Amino acid sequence: MQLSDIQPGEGQGFQFPGEFEITAMGNAAAHLETLVPELLQGVGLKVLHETVSSRRSSGGTYTSVTIRFLCQTREDYDKAHDVLRAHDEIRFTL
């Protein structure tokens, strides 16, 4: 068996192109519900706006925003994390 003979099974690794979910967490005052989709679209990703959901921390200081988007390659997926993590108001992404 050669490496090229190995086919990923269902649920193993990322399959491209595909639909992916990303969560960004940061300052609640930054309006991440609007900011996250704008940043993703700004790097050419197709955002599925109907999937945006958010949740505030118990103290109301932080917000997490989860959104689904389409990407063609692993590079697109990495680009999504990179653009969000580079923004001053976003603490981290999942």
Protein backbone atom coordinates (compact mmCIF):
# COMPACT_ATOMS: atom_id res chain seq x y z
CA MET A 1 0.00 0.00 0.00
CA GLN A 2 1.26 3.47 -0.88
CA LEU A 3 0.42 6.78 0.75
CA SER A 4 -1.58 7.75 -2.33
CA ASP A 5 -3.81 4.68 -1.78
CA ILE A 6 -5.01 5.93 1.61
CA GLN A 7 -8.39 7.62 1.40
CA PRO A 8 -9.71 9.66 4.31
CA GLY A 9 -12.72 8.15 6.00
CA GLU A 10 -15.84 9.99 6.99
CA GLY A 11 -15.19 12.37 9.85
CA GLN A 12 -11.41 12.27 9.42
CA GLY A 13 -9.73 15.59 8.79
CA PHE A 14 -10.95 18.45 6.69
CA GLN A 15 -12.49 17.93 3.28
CA PHE A 16 -12.10 20.74 0.74
CA PRO A 17 -13.99 22.43 -0.73
CA GLY A 18 -16.39 22.62 2.16
CA GLU A 19 -18.49 24.46 4.68
CA PHE A 20 -16.74 25.26 7.94
CA GLU A 21 -17.58 26.87 11.24
CA ILE A 22 -15.43 29.37 13.12
CA THR A 23 -15.90 31.00 16.51
CA ALA A 24 -14.29 34.30 17.42
CA MET A 25 -14.21 35.63 20.96
CA GLY A 26 -13.52 39.18 21.98
CA ASN A 27 -14.68 42.47 23.42
CA ALA A 28 -18.50 42.74 23.53
CA ALA A 29 -18.34 46.43 22.64
CA ALA A 30 -16.68 45.58 19.29
CA HIS A 31 -19.96 44.36 17.71
CA LEU A 32 -18.41 41.08 16.61
CA GLU A 33 -21.72 39.95 15.10
CA THR A 34 -21.08 42.48 12.34
CA LEU A 35 -17.28 42.58 12.42
CA VAL A 36 -16.59 38.85 11.97
CA PRO A 37 -18.62 38.44 8.75
CA GLU A 38 -17.11 41.65 7.35
CA LEU A 39 -13.56 40.47 8.01
CA LEU A 40 -14.20 37.07 6.44
CA GLN A 41 -15.81 38.61 3.37
CA GLY A 42 -12.93 41.06 3.15
CA VAL A 43 -10.53 38.18 2.42
CA GLY A 44 -12.85 36.70 -0.21
CA LEU A 45 -14.68 34.03 1.77
CA LYS A 46 -18.38 33.29 1.24
CA VAL A 47 -20.11 33.85 4.57
CA LEU A 48 -23.38 32.09 5.35
CA HIS A 49 -25.03 35.04 7.12
CA GLU A 50 -28.03 33.04 8.30
CA THR A 51 -25.71 30.97 10.52
CA VAL A 52 -24.37 33.85 12.66
CA SER A 53 -24.97 33.28 16.35
CA SER A 54 -23.55 35.01 19.39
CA ARG A 55 -23.37 34.64 23.11
CA ARG A 56 -22.25 37.10 25.78
CA SER A 57 -20.15 36.14 28.76
CA SER A 58 -21.87 36.05 32.14
CA GLY A 59 -20.33 39.43 33.00
CA GLY A 60 -21.24 40.91 29.63
CA THR A 61 -17.65 41.94 28.87
CA TYR A 62 -16.98 39.40 26.12
CA THR A 63 -18.92 37.96 23.20
CA SER A 64 -18.39 34.81 21.18
CA VAL A 65 -19.62 34.76 17.60
CA THR A 66 -19.97 31.56 15.59
CA ILE A 67 -20.46 31.60 11.85
CA ARG A 68 -20.27 29.16 8.96
CA PHE A 69 -18.47 29.94 5.73
CA LEU A 70 -17.43 28.23 2.50
CA CYS A 71 -13.84 27.75 1.50
CA GLN A 72 -12.15 26.00 -1.37
CA THR A 73 -8.77 25.16 0.16
CA ARG A 74 -6.93 24.70 3.44
CA GLU A 75 -5.26 28.05 2.73
CA ASP A 76 -8.69 29.72 2.73
CA TYR A 77 -9.48 28.11 6.08
CA ASP A 78 -6.19 29.31 7.56
CA LYS A 79 -6.81 32.76 6.10
CA ALA A 80 -10.10 32.96 8.03
CA HIS A 81 -8.34 32.33 11.34
CA ASP A 82 -5.46 34.65 10.46
CA VAL A 83 -7.64 37.66 9.58
CA LEU A 84 -9.72 37.30 12.74
CA ARG A 85 -6.76 36.78 15.05
CA ALA A 86 -5.03 39.84 13.59
CA HIS A 87 -7.86 42.15 14.68
CA ASP A 88 -7.28 44.01 17.96
CA GLU A 89 -10.77 43.33 19.33
CA ILE A 90 -10.64 39.56 18.82
CA ARG A 91 -8.87 37.58 21.55
CA PHE A 92 -8.88 34.14 19.90
CA THR A 93 -10.63 31.84 17.46
CA LEU A 94 -11.76 28.22 17.48
